[in-house]
Protein backbone atom coordinates (compact mmCIF):
# COMPACT_ATOMS: atom_id res chain seq x y z
CA MET A 1 -22.41 -32.09 -54.54
CA ARG A 2 -25.82 -30.57 -52.90
CA TRP A 3 -28.78 -32.25 -51.48
CA ASN A 4 -31.93 -31.07 -50.27
CA CYS A 5 -32.97 -32.20 -46.83
CA VAL A 6 -35.96 -33.99 -45.78
CA THR A 7 -38.80 -32.26 -43.95
CA ASP A 8 -39.85 -33.02 -40.62
CA ASN A 9 -43.22 -34.79 -40.65
CA THR A 10 -43.80 -35.16 -37.11
CA ARG A 11 -43.75 -31.43 -35.52
CA THR A 12 -46.80 -29.22 -35.17
CA LEU A 13 -47.22 -26.00 -33.57
CA ALA A 14 -48.94 -27.82 -30.68
CA LEU A 15 -45.64 -28.16 -29.31
CA ARG A 16 -45.01 -24.22 -29.49
CA ILE A 17 -46.13 -21.27 -27.46
CA ALA A 18 -48.10 -20.29 -30.22
CA ALA A 19 -50.36 -23.44 -29.86
CA VAL A 20 -51.80 -23.54 -33.21
CA THR A 21 -52.42 -26.78 -35.12
CA VAL A 22 -51.02 -27.17 -38.62
CA ALA A 23 -51.19 -29.82 -41.24
CA THR A 24 -48.38 -32.30 -41.46
CA LEU A 25 -45.43 -31.14 -43.41
CA ALA A 26 -44.80 -33.64 -46.39
CA ALA A 27 -42.05 -36.69 -45.94
CA GLY A 28 -39.11 -35.92 -47.81
CA GLY A 29 -36.52 -38.10 -49.97
CA PRO A 30 -35.06 -37.55 -53.32
CA ALA A 31 -38.37 -35.52 -54.58
CA CYS A 32 -37.48 -32.85 -52.09
CA ALA A 33 -35.05 -31.62 -54.17
CA GLN A 34 -37.24 -31.21 -56.82
CA ASN A 35 -39.61 -29.02 -54.94
CA PRO A 36 -37.39 -27.44 -52.42
CA ILE A 37 -38.71 -25.50 -49.46
CA VAL A 38 -37.38 -21.91 -49.86
CA PHE A 39 -36.48 -19.86 -46.66
CA SER A 40 -37.77 -16.18 -47.31
CA PRO A 41 -35.89 -13.08 -46.44
CA GLY A 42 -37.11 -11.59 -43.48
CA ASN A 43 -38.09 -14.75 -41.48
CA LEU A 44 -36.27 -16.34 -38.83
CA VAL A 45 -34.58 -19.64 -38.87
CA VAL A 46 -34.10 -21.98 -35.62
CA SER A 47 -31.63 -24.52 -35.29
CA ARG A 48 -33.47 -27.34 -33.27
CA SER A 49 -32.31 -30.92 -32.21
CA VAL A 50 -34.48 -33.75 -31.57
CA TYR A 51 -33.50 -36.59 -29.10
CA ASP A 52 -34.21 -40.16 -30.51
CA ASN A 53 -35.92 -41.43 -27.35
CA LYS A 54 -35.24 -45.31 -27.28
CA ALA A 55 -34.40 -46.83 -24.36
CA GLY A 56 -31.89 -49.11 -25.87
CA ASN A 57 -29.50 -46.13 -26.75
CA ILE A 58 -27.81 -47.00 -24.05
CA THR A 59 -27.85 -50.00 -21.54
CA VAL A 60 -27.50 -49.85 -17.82
CA GLY A 61 -24.05 -51.33 -16.94
CA GLN A 62 -22.75 -50.58 -20.26
CA THR A 63 -18.81 -49.24 -20.21
CA LEU A 64 -18.52 -45.40 -20.68
CA PRO A 65 -16.87 -43.56 -22.88
CA PRO A 66 -16.90 -46.07 -25.65
CA ASN A 67 -13.94 -48.09 -26.19
CA CYS A 68 -12.16 -46.42 -23.32
CA THR A 69 -9.10 -47.75 -21.68
CA ASN A 70 -8.62 -45.62 -18.68
CA SER A 71 -11.12 -43.48 -16.27
CA CYS A 72 -14.14 -46.29 -17.33
CA VAL A 73 -17.19 -46.06 -16.07
CA THR A 74 -20.62 -47.96 -16.23
CA ALA A 75 -23.92 -46.35 -17.52
CA THR A 76 -26.47 -45.93 -14.58
CA ASN A 77 -29.63 -45.26 -16.86
CA ASP A 78 -30.91 -46.56 -20.25
CA GLY A 79 -31.40 -44.32 -22.94
CA THR A 80 -34.93 -42.90 -21.99
CA TYR A 81 -35.46 -39.13 -21.89
CA PRO A 82 -34.83 -37.16 -19.58
CA THR A 83 -33.08 -39.61 -17.10
CA VAL A 84 -30.82 -40.64 -19.70
CA TRP A 85 -28.75 -37.78 -18.98
CA ASN A 86 -28.26 -38.92 -15.40
CA ASN A 87 -25.19 -40.81 -17.14
CA ALA A 88 -23.48 -37.30 -17.65
CA LEU A 89 -22.92 -37.51 -13.59
CA VAL A 90 -20.42 -40.52 -13.99
CA ASP A 91 -19.04 -40.00 -17.60
CA GLY A 92 -17.90 -36.04 -17.79
CA SER A 93 -17.77 -36.97 -21.87
CA PHE A 94 -21.11 -38.33 -21.97
CA GLY A 95 -23.73 -37.33 -24.92
CA ILE A 96 -25.65 -39.05 -27.56
CA THR A 97 -25.85 -37.77 -31.19
CA SER A 98 -29.23 -36.42 -32.55
CA LYS A 99 -30.91 -35.13 -35.59
CA ILE A 100 -30.90 -31.38 -36.71
CA PHE A 101 -33.74 -29.22 -37.82
CA LEU A 102 -33.87 -26.02 -39.05
CA ASP A 103 -37.08 -24.38 -38.09
CA GLN A 104 -38.22 -21.28 -40.39
CA ILE A 105 -40.63 -19.00 -38.23
CA THR A 106 -42.09 -15.42 -38.63
CA THR A 107 -40.69 -12.50 -36.24
CA ALA A 108 -43.48 -13.54 -34.25
CA GLY A 109 -43.18 -17.12 -33.75
CA ALA A 110 -45.27 -18.90 -36.41
CA LEU A 111 -43.98 -22.18 -37.83
CA ILE A 112 -43.89 -22.11 -41.39
CA SER A 113 -41.81 -24.79 -42.31
CA SER A 114 -39.06 -27.35 -40.82
CA GLN A 115 -36.03 -29.10 -42.44
CA GLN A 116 -34.14 -32.09 -41.44
CA VAL A 117 -30.49 -31.91 -41.84
CA PRO A 118 -28.98 -35.00 -43.66
CA ASN A 119 -28.33 -37.88 -41.08
CA SER A 120 -27.55 -41.54 -41.22
CA ALA A 121 -31.61 -42.26 -41.24
CA HIS A 122 -31.76 -39.54 -44.16
CA PRO A 123 -28.71 -39.41 -46.02
CA GLY A 124 -27.73 -37.45 -49.03
CA PRO A 125 -25.83 -38.31 -52.08
CA SER A 126 -22.94 -40.15 -51.43
CA LYS A 127 -23.98 -40.62 -47.71
CA ASN A 128 -23.81 -36.65 -46.86
CA GLN A 129 -24.93 -36.66 -43.25
CA MET A 130 -24.40 -34.22 -40.09
CA VAL A 131 -25.68 -34.60 -36.70
CA THR A 132 -25.30 -32.64 -33.43
CA SER A 133 -24.70 -33.89 -29.74
CA PHE A 134 -28.20 -33.56 -28.17
CA SER A 135 -26.79 -32.22 -24.40
CA SER A 136 -23.97 -30.21 -25.82
CA LYS A 137 -25.53 -26.67 -25.34
CA SER A 138 -22.81 -24.74 -27.18
CA GLU A 139 -23.36 -26.02 -30.82
CA LEU A 140 -25.48 -25.26 -33.62
CA ALA A 141 -25.20 -21.51 -33.58
CA LEU A 142 -26.36 -20.21 -37.15
CA ASN A 143 -24.88 -17.34 -39.04
CA LEU A 144 -25.61 -15.83 -42.30
CA SER A 145 -22.75 -15.33 -44.90
CA LEU A 146 -21.47 -12.09 -45.71
CA ASP A 147 -23.18 -11.96 -49.00
CA HIS A 148 -26.43 -13.04 -46.93
CA LYS A 149 -27.25 -15.97 -49.32
CA SER A 150 -26.44 -18.83 -47.10
CA LEU A 151 -26.54 -20.05 -43.19
CA THR A 152 -23.82 -22.15 -41.86
CA PHE A 153 -23.40 -24.08 -38.70
CA MET A 154 -21.16 -27.23 -37.26
CA GLY A 155 -21.79 -30.61 -36.20
CA TYR A 156 -20.42 -34.12 -36.66
CA VAL A 157 -20.04 -36.64 -39.53
CA ALA A 158 -21.66 -39.17 -37.35
CA PRO A 159 -24.79 -41.38 -37.21
CA ILE A 160 -27.60 -40.54 -34.94
CA ASP A 161 -27.70 -42.52 -31.27
CA ALA A 162 -23.90 -42.57 -31.06
CA ILE A 163 -22.27 -42.16 -27.86
CA ASP A 164 -19.86 -39.57 -26.47
CA VAL A 165 -19.01 -38.26 -30.15
CA SER A 166 -18.69 -34.71 -28.63
CA ASN A 167 -15.53 -35.69 -27.01
CA SER A 168 -14.35 -38.12 -29.55
CA ASN A 169 -10.92 -37.37 -31.23
CA THR A 170 -10.89 -36.33 -35.00
CA PRO A 171 -9.58 -39.01 -37.32
CA GLY A 172 -6.27 -36.94 -38.10
CA VAL A 173 -5.52 -35.57 -34.42
CA VAL A 174 -5.79 -38.52 -31.96
CA ASP A 175 -4.81 -37.71 -28.54
CA PRO A 176 -3.88 -41.08 -26.95
CA THR A 177 -5.01 -39.83 -23.41
CA ASN A 178 -8.44 -38.89 -24.37
CA PRO A 179 -10.81 -41.35 -22.52
CA VAL A 180 -13.28 -41.42 -25.56
CA GLY A 181 -11.83 -44.08 -28.05
CA GLU A 182 -13.51 -42.93 -31.23
CA ASN A 183 -12.51 -40.82 -34.14
CA VAL A 184 -15.12 -38.45 -35.69
CA TYR A 185 -14.63 -35.86 -38.22
CA ARG A 186 -16.20 -32.20 -37.60
CA ALA A 187 -18.05 -30.43 -40.35
CA VAL A 188 -19.44 -27.33 -41.58
CA ALA A 189 -22.84 -27.45 -43.29
CA GLN A 190 -24.04 -24.63 -45.48
CA VAL A 191 -27.55 -24.34 -46.86
CA ASP A 192 -28.78 -21.60 -49.25
CA GLN A 193 -32.19 -20.11 -49.94
CA TYR A 194 -33.52 -22.88 -51.62
CA GLY A 195 -32.68 -25.38 -48.88
CA MET A 196 -29.80 -26.88 -50.57
CA PHE A 197 -26.83 -28.42 -48.50
CA HIS A 198 -23.27 -29.05 -48.94
CA PHE A 199 -20.76 -29.99 -46.05
CA THR A 200 -16.70 -29.44 -45.20
CA GLU A 201 -15.43 -31.94 -43.24
CA THR A 202 -12.37 -30.86 -40.76
CA ASN A 203 -9.91 -32.22 -38.14
CA ALA A 204 -10.17 -29.25 -35.83
CA TYR A 205 -11.79 -29.37 -32.65
CA SER A 206 -10.12 -32.95 -31.51
CA GLY A 207 -11.63 -34.00 -28.14
CA ASN A 208 -14.32 -31.40 -28.30
CA ASN A 209 -16.75 -29.31 -30.76
CA GLY A 210 -17.08 -26.94 -33.36
CA ARG A 211 -19.67 -24.30 -32.38
CA ALA A 212 -20.06 -21.84 -34.96
CA ALA A 213 -18.97 -20.79 -38.46
CA ILE A 214 -19.56 -17.87 -40.79
CA LEU A 215 -18.66 -17.80 -44.63
CA ASP A 216 -16.91 -15.43 -46.24
CA ASN A 217 -18.16 -15.65 -49.75
CA PHE A 218 -16.08 -13.13 -51.24
CA ASN A 219 -12.89 -14.62 -50.34
CA GLY A 220 -14.08 -18.07 -50.20
CA ALA A 221 -13.26 -18.63 -46.67
CA LEU A 222 -14.83 -20.40 -43.47
CA TYR A 223 -14.27 -18.97 -39.96
CA LEU A 224 -14.80 -21.29 -37.05
CA ALA A 225 -15.29 -21.15 -33.25
CA GLY A 226 -14.93 -24.04 -30.88
CA ASN A 227 -12.81 -25.84 -28.51
CA ALA A 228 -10.42 -28.79 -28.69
CA GLY A 229 -8.83 -31.23 -26.09
CA ASN A 230 -10.26 -33.85 -23.61
CA GLY A 231 -7.33 -35.56 -22.52
CA GLY A 232 -4.27 -34.73 -20.18
CA ASN A 233 -1.78 -32.25 -20.07
CA PRO A 234 0.50 -31.16 -21.84
CA GLN A 235 -1.99 -31.68 -24.63
CA PRO A 236 -0.26 -32.92 -28.33
CA ASN A 237 0.49 -30.28 -31.17
CA GLY A 238 -2.61 -31.16 -33.21
CA VAL A 239 -5.32 -30.64 -30.39
CA ILE A 240 -3.24 -27.40 -29.62
CA VAL A 241 -3.41 -26.54 -33.36
CA GLY A 242 -6.85 -27.39 -33.88
CA ALA A 243 -8.49 -25.41 -30.93
CA GLY A 244 -10.17 -22.10 -31.03
CA ALA A 245 -10.71 -19.86 -34.27
CA GLN A 246 -10.09 -22.01 -37.42
CA PHE A 247 -9.99 -21.16 -40.87
CA LEU A 248 -11.38 -23.39 -43.92
CA THR A 249 -11.93 -23.61 -47.48
CA PRO A 250 -15.32 -24.49 -48.38
CA LEU A 251 -15.56 -27.83 -50.34
CA MET A 252 -18.33 -28.48 -53.02
CA GLU A 253 -17.70 -32.56 -53.33
CA PRO A 254 -19.58 -34.76 -51.43
CA GLU A 255 -17.97 -35.88 -47.84
CA SER A 256 -16.92 -39.31 -49.29
CA ALA A 257 -14.86 -37.79 -51.72
CA GLN A 258 -13.03 -35.39 -48.98
CA ASP A 259 -9.74 -35.91 -47.27
CA PRO A 260 -9.44 -33.19 -44.44
CA GLY A 261 -5.69 -32.49 -43.59
CA ALA A 262 -3.98 -30.68 -40.86
CA PRO A 263 -6.43 -28.05 -38.65
CA THR A 264 -5.52 -24.65 -39.89
CA PRO A 265 -5.83 -21.75 -37.27
CA VAL A 266 -6.70 -18.39 -38.06
CA ALA A 267 -5.95 -16.75 -34.67
CA SER A 268 -4.84 -17.29 -31.09
CA PHE A 269 -4.90 -15.61 -27.62
CA ASN A 270 -2.60 -16.81 -24.68
CA VAL A 271 -3.16 -15.01 -21.12
CA THR A 272 0.64 -14.19 -21.19
CA GLN A 273 -0.59 -11.40 -23.15
CA LEU A 274 -2.17 -9.87 -20.27
CA GLY A 275 0.83 -10.62 -18.05
CA ASP A 276 -1.12 -13.39 -16.40
CA ALA A 277 0.84 -16.92 -15.88
CA GLU A 278 0.79 -19.69 -18.77
CA ASP A 279 -2.00 -21.85 -17.94
CA LYS A 280 -2.89 -25.07 -20.02
CA ILE A 281 -1.94 -24.39 -23.67
CA GLY A 282 -4.76 -24.04 -26.14
CA LYS A 283 -7.44 -23.65 -23.31
CA ASP A 284 -7.05 -19.96 -23.76
CA ASP A 285 -8.63 -20.23 -27.27
CA ASN A 286 -12.19 -21.91 -25.77
CA PHE A 287 -14.42 -19.61 -28.27
CA ARG A 288 -18.15 -20.18 -28.15
CA GLY A 289 -19.95 -17.21 -30.34
CA LEU A 290 -18.46 -15.55 -33.12
CA THR A 291 -19.56 -12.52 -35.54
CA ILE A 292 -18.33 -10.34 -38.21
CA PHE A 293 -18.84 -6.26 -38.38
CA ASN A 294 -16.67 -3.80 -40.65
CA ASN A 295 -14.49 -6.66 -41.99
CA VAL A 296 -13.38 -7.51 -38.25
CA LEU A 297 -13.80 -11.13 -36.74
CA TYR A 298 -14.92 -10.95 -33.03
CA TYR A 299 -15.11 -14.31 -30.61
CA THR A 300 -16.23 -14.69 -27.13
CA LYS A 301 -15.51 -17.04 -24.62
CA GLY A 302 -17.36 -17.75 -21.55
CA SER A 303 -16.85 -21.07 -20.41
CA GLY A 304 -14.05 -23.53 -18.87
CA GLY A 305 -11.54 -23.51 -16.12
CA ASN A 306 -8.64 -21.43 -17.91
CA GLY A 307 -8.12 -18.46 -19.54
CA VAL A 308 -10.50 -14.82 -19.53
CA ASN A 309 -14.28 -15.14 -20.31
CA THR A 310 -14.53 -12.05 -22.54
CA VAL A 311 -15.02 -10.47 -26.35
CA TYR A 312 -11.96 -10.33 -28.35
CA PHE A 313 -11.15 -9.42 -31.97
CA ILE A 314 -8.47 -10.45 -34.44
CA ASP A 315 -5.75 -8.36 -35.21
CA THR A 316 -4.95 -8.83 -39.25
CA THR A 317 -2.40 -5.68 -39.41
CA GLY A 318 -0.39 -7.12 -36.72
CA THR A 319 -0.08 -3.44 -34.86
CA VAL A 320 -2.24 -3.84 -31.95
CA CYS A 321 -2.26 -7.47 -30.59
CA THR A 322 1.52 -8.66 -30.97
CA ASP A 323 3.85 -7.78 -27.96
CA SER A 324 1.14 -5.23 -26.94
CA ASN A 325 -0.66 -5.70 -23.53
CA GLY A 326 -3.37 -7.96 -24.99
CA ILE A 327 -6.34 -5.25 -25.05
CA GLY A 328 -7.10 -2.91 -28.09
CA ALA A 329 -9.59 -1.91 -30.59
CA PRO A 330 -9.31 -2.82 -34.33
CA VAL A 331 -7.66 -0.71 -36.82
CA ALA A 332 -10.10 1.01 -38.88
CA GLY A 333 -9.90 -0.30 -42.61
CA ALA A 334 -8.48 -3.50 -41.41
CA ALA A 335 -9.11 -6.37 -43.90
CA LEU A 336 -10.56 -10.10 -42.81
CA PRO A 337 -7.88 -12.67 -42.91
CA THR A 338 -7.73 -14.61 -46.15
CA VAL A 339 -5.00 -17.40 -45.29
CA PRO A 340 -4.34 -19.30 -41.93
CA MET A 341 -2.23 -17.72 -39.58
CA THR A 342 1.33 -18.05 -39.37
CA TYR A 343 2.69 -19.51 -36.05
CA ASN A 344 5.95 -20.82 -34.60
CA PRO A 345 5.86 -24.76 -34.43
CA SER A 346 8.99 -25.03 -32.17
CA VAL A 347 7.28 -23.38 -29.17
CA LEU A 348 3.94 -25.02 -29.50
CA GLN A 349 4.18 -26.72 -25.99
CA THR A 350 5.60 -23.39 -24.06
CA LYS A 351 3.56 -20.58 -25.92
CA GLY A 352 1.07 -22.11 -27.95
CA LEU A 353 0.06 -20.78 -31.48
CA ASP A 354 2.79 -17.29 -31.23
CA PRO A 355 2.73 -14.95 -32.31
CA ASN A 356 -0.71 -14.24 -30.94
CA ASN A 357 -2.79 -12.32 -33.26
CA MET A 358 -6.12 -11.75 -31.04
CA CYS A 359 -6.63 -8.97 -28.21
CA VAL A 360 -9.49 -8.45 -25.74
CA LEU A 361 -11.84 -5.87 -26.90
CA LYS A 362 -10.94 -2.48 -24.86
CA GLY A 363 -13.48 -2.01 -21.77
CA PHE A 364 -14.40 -6.02 -21.88
CA PRO A 365 -13.31 -8.16 -18.71
CA THR A 366 -9.80 -9.52 -18.31
CA ALA A 367 -10.05 -11.45 -15.35
CA LEU A 368 -9.03 -14.95 -14.99
CA LYS A 369 -11.44 -17.82 -14.80
CA SER A 370 -14.01 -15.28 -13.88
CA LYS A 371 -17.16 -16.15 -12.16
CA THR A 372 -19.37 -13.65 -13.37
CA ALA A 373 -18.97 -12.95 -17.03
CA PHE A 374 -20.04 -15.65 -19.57
CA PRO A 375 -20.22 -14.20 -22.94
CA PHE A 376 -21.94 -16.23 -25.62
CA GLY A 377 -23.63 -14.56 -28.77
CA ILE A 378 -22.97 -10.98 -29.91
CA TRP A 379 -24.47 -8.81 -32.32
CA PHE A 380 -23.38 -5.22 -33.59
CA ALA A 381 -26.47 -2.60 -34.15
CA ASN A 382 -24.20 -0.11 -35.19
CA PRO A 383 -20.45 0.55 -35.08
CA ASP A 384 -21.23 2.02 -31.42
CA THR A 385 -23.85 -0.21 -30.11
CA LEU A 386 -22.88 -4.01 -29.37
CA PHE A 387 -25.31 -6.46 -27.82
CA VAL A 388 -23.75 -9.46 -25.68
CA ALA A 389 -25.80 -12.53 -24.48
CA ASP A 390 -24.60 -13.73 -21.33
CA GLU A 391 -25.73 -17.22 -20.71
CA GLY A 392 -25.33 -17.32 -16.84
CA ASN A 393 -23.45 -18.90 -14.14
CA GLY A 394 -24.99 -22.31 -14.41
CA ASP A 395 -25.58 -22.28 -10.59
CA ASN A 396 -28.59 -24.45 -9.94
CA THR A 397 -28.49 -24.01 -6.17
CA TYR A 398 -32.36 -24.54 -5.37
CA SER A 399 -34.51 -23.38 -2.15
CA ASN A 400 -37.92 -22.05 -1.66
CA GLY A 401 -39.25 -22.56 -5.14
CA MET A 402 -36.23 -20.97 -6.80
CA TYR A 403 -33.08 -21.34 -8.19
CA THR A 404 -31.05 -18.71 -6.33
CA GLY A 405 -28.03 -18.84 -7.70
CA ALA A 406 -29.61 -18.12 -11.20
CA ALA A 407 -32.18 -15.41 -9.82
CA ALA A 408 -29.20 -13.53 -8.09
CA GLN A 409 -27.34 -12.80 -11.09
CA THR A 410 -27.05 -9.12 -12.42
CA THR A 411 -25.16 -9.82 -15.83
CA ALA A 412 -26.76 -12.81 -17.43
CA GLY A 413 -29.05 -11.79 -19.99
CA LEU A 414 -28.73 -9.34 -22.95
CA GLN A 415 -26.06 -6.98 -22.25
CA LYS A 416 -25.54 -3.54 -24.04
CA TRP A 417 -22.48 -2.01 -24.69
CA ILE A 418 -21.50 1.59 -25.75
CA LEU A 419 -18.09 2.70 -27.40
CA ASN A 420 -17.23 5.78 -26.14
CA SER A 421 -13.80 7.40 -26.92
CA GLY A 422 -12.26 4.13 -27.97
CA THR A 423 -13.22 2.21 -24.96
CA TRP A 424 -16.46 -0.13 -24.53
CA SER A 425 -18.91 0.47 -21.37
CA LEU A 426 -21.32 -1.71 -20.25
CA VAL A 427 -24.64 0.54 -19.81
CA TYR A 428 -27.20 -2.11 -19.09
CA THR A 429 -28.41 -5.61 -18.82
CA LEU A 430 -31.68 -6.61 -19.68
CA GLN A 431 -33.37 -9.39 -17.72
CA ALA A 432 -37.05 -8.41 -17.52
CA GLY A 433 -39.29 -11.27 -18.53
CA LEU A 434 -36.70 -13.79 -18.42
CA ASN A 435 -37.73 -14.95 -15.00
CA LEU A 436 -34.24 -16.02 -14.22
CA GLY A 437 -34.10 -19.15 -11.69
CA VAL A 438 -38.01 -19.57 -11.95
CA PRO A 439 -38.83 -23.06 -12.59
CA TYR A 440 -41.23 -23.41 -15.65
CA THR A 441 -43.38 -26.57 -16.72
CA VAL A 442 -42.25 -28.68 -19.58
CA ALA A 443 -45.30 -30.98 -21.06
CA ASN A 444 -44.67 -34.64 -20.19
CA TYR A 445 -41.49 -33.74 -18.14
CA PRO A 446 -41.05 -35.78 -14.85
CA THR A 447 -42.45 -34.13 -11.73
CA GLY A 448 -40.40 -33.27 -8.52
CA ASN A 449 -37.14 -33.94 -8.04
CA ASN A 450 -34.32 -36.00 -9.88
CA PRO A 451 -33.24 -38.81 -7.50
CA ALA A 452 -29.92 -38.83 -8.71
CA THR A 453 -28.99 -34.91 -8.29
CA GLY A 454 -31.83 -34.23 -5.46
CA LEU A 455 -32.98 -31.26 -7.47
CA PRO A 456 -36.04 -30.41 -9.22
CA TRP A 457 -36.81 -31.31 -12.94
CA ALA A 458 -38.33 -28.48 -13.95
CA PRO A 459 -35.53 -26.07 -15.40
CA GLY A 460 -35.22 -22.24 -14.96
CA THR A 461 -33.91 -19.77 -17.16
CA ASP A 462 -29.88 -18.76 -16.54
CA GLY A 463 -29.32 -16.41 -19.22
CA LEU A 464 -29.08 -16.43 -22.76
CA ARG A 465 -26.95 -17.79 -25.73
CA ASN A 466 -27.18 -17.16 -29.37
CA ILE A 467 -28.61 -14.17 -30.86
CA THR A 468 -29.48 -12.11 -33.61
CA GLY A 469 -31.13 -8.74 -34.23
CA VAL A 470 -32.76 -6.22 -36.66
CA VAL A 471 -32.38 -2.21 -36.73
CA ASN A 472 -35.87 -0.84 -37.00
CA GLY A 473 -36.76 2.22 -38.60
CA ASP A 474 -38.52 3.93 -35.38
CA GLY A 475 -34.64 4.09 -33.58
CA THR A 476 -35.18 0.91 -31.96
CA VAL A 477 -33.77 -2.62 -32.10
CA THR A 478 -35.30 -5.77 -31.64
CA VAL A 479 -33.12 -8.67 -30.47
CA TYR A 480 -33.81 -12.25 -30.96
CA ALA A 481 -32.01 -14.89 -28.11
CA ILE A 482 -32.11 -18.64 -27.20
CA THR A 483 -32.36 -19.09 -23.68
CA SER A 484 -29.91 -21.11 -21.42
CA THR A 485 -31.21 -23.15 -18.56
CA VAL A 486 -30.36 -24.55 -14.75
CA SER A 487 -32.43 -27.68 -13.29
CA GLY A 488 -31.74 -30.83 -11.61
CA ASN A 489 -31.36 -32.57 -14.72
CA GLY A 490 -28.00 -34.87 -14.88
CA ASP A 491 -27.00 -32.43 -18.00
CA GLN A 492 -28.79 -29.15 -17.99
CA GLY A 493 -27.71 -28.60 -21.28
CA ALA A 494 -30.72 -31.51 -22.53
CA ASP A 495 -33.63 -29.03 -21.01
CA PRO A 496 -36.11 -27.69 -23.49
CA ASN A 497 -35.69 -24.25 -23.58
CA THR A 498 -36.54 -21.25 -25.72
CA LEU A 499 -36.68 -18.24 -27.94
CA VAL A 500 -37.39 -14.98 -26.74
CA ALA A 501 -37.48 -11.11 -28.34
CA ILE A 502 -36.88 -8.09 -26.95
CA THR A 503 -37.07 -4.72 -28.70
CA ASP A 504 -34.90 -1.67 -26.94
CA THR A 505 -34.50 1.95 -27.64
CA LEU A 506 -31.13 2.34 -29.39
CA ALA A 507 -29.83 5.56 -27.99
CA ALA A 508 -30.91 4.74 -24.49
CA THR A 509 -28.24 4.56 -22.03
CA VAL A 510 -30.69 3.04 -19.15
CA PRO A 511 -33.74 0.44 -19.41
CA THR A 512 -36.64 2.17 -20.71
CA GLY A 513 -39.13 -0.63 -19.13
CA GLU A 514 -38.75 -3.37 -22.05
CA SER A 515 -39.26 -6.88 -21.33
CA PHE A 516 -38.33 -10.30 -23.27
CA THR A 517 -41.41 -12.10 -24.76
CA ALA A 518 -41.00 -15.91 -25.39
CA ILE A 519 -42.01 -16.55 -29.15
CA TYR A 520 -41.25 -19.77 -29.70
CA SER A 521 -40.33 -23.15 -27.48
CA ALA A 522 -38.66 -26.51 -27.64
CA GLY A 523 -40.75 -29.39 -26.48
CA PHE A 524 -40.32 -32.55 -24.61
CA GLY A 525 -37.12 -34.16 -26.10
CA GLU A 526 -35.89 -30.94 -27.86
CA VAL A 527 -33.87 -28.06 -27.62
CA LEU A 528 -33.45 -24.79 -29.42
CA ARG A 529 -29.65 -23.81 -30.31
CA GLY A 530 -28.98 -21.13 -33.01
CA VAL A 531 -30.99 -18.33 -34.49
CA SER A 532 -30.65 -16.20 -37.53
CA PHE A 533 -32.40 -14.39 -40.17
CA ALA A 534 -32.97 -16.19 -43.33
CA PRO A 535 -30.85 -16.42 -46.35
CA GLY A 536 -31.66 -13.66 -48.60
CA THR A 537 -32.41 -11.48 -45.84
CA MET A 538 -30.55 -7.91 -46.42
């Protein structure tokens, strides 16, 4: 069952860098399906979330997390933006669900249309709905399907203004040690060129969040990236199985008719493959970004207190990653996985998903718990050139009008990697124009310092998250990227951020003076998350 979303009837270009007034978009509803908004090939689509700015979303003194039975705290702030996110300082699971919009823009940043994803205020047939967690910075990556006819992204089957959903259990995988006492399905949304949606629910990512999905329409498979677990150690078997890289069969029926089964992982990595000692089982598979290139699935890990922050690939041949040193390169001609991985359930608590079928891509970092590598989005310009977005270290140390920890970084931004004799090498990192660590102004944001943190409200850019790109006909590439932020906000993932673009000479091995340009920005109470070319773009 498909349903066309409603349009955003409040958004204008006055909130954008290109400050141009446009007519208010028409309100949606059932008629929207009869007159669908079409995504035009060659345009960009940006995922944007808007916080429902109501003081009553949470009450000072309210118990957090919802229904908690251990490690309970009380809310310090009501639901007013942005002070609401100071609650994250006392509740490590804090978040509030919010609406998702898909903004269609030109490559110069001009807004063409905006579509609201079905939610509790504007549901589709059979109450189809999906939301995001507003401050969860790793969510809502956008990816084109392999036939380029649809976009996919992930969220939660929950109403708007629900608290701490991003760390809830899933109904089929309940961890009794998770302090968040609610159960919520995760879901993959698929939208085609005509703005028509359908959703596939999953029990994966219990205790945490699904972050990205790609549809292989030729084999009828969805490949997912995310993280699981918000409880004690050891984690339940279902949490371990539902982490990391997942395989899902896309469904056409409405959400009300779906009955998700146990999670079905497609791949796994364990630090013991590199000769390191075991850590928290399941947390090595804390993946953020993914892409497919030449029939190989690539994943990134860039956060968490366990594992290796780096770029990985799935070895479907069983000849590279199993019983190897954990480092390798894809086998030429390998096929994409068409079924979930086979693992030994009897060793889940000691070895995780064994045997492991992922490797660190040869040449990329292998250090445990790195403080300098934070890869997020990845984009192949060609078989020998890979661009990696590094989101930055999140260090909001501030002095003399600058976020000094962010400003001092040398690897945050857009990394260019070149393949030479089977090994990838970092040739340079593009940072010019990002103004790392420099505070910027957000209209209607508080001025001065946040009393809860003693640091400025004004955010600064820390690095980049999700990216996409295009190879131009003149030997250059243009990469579009979503910025990450540092600030004195109680949750730095709640700061308005920006879509930036840069054009790079493909054959260059040293920077040639190129610089990022801001082309589209989130306004007050908004965040940008993912970017992709529109369905139909080839």
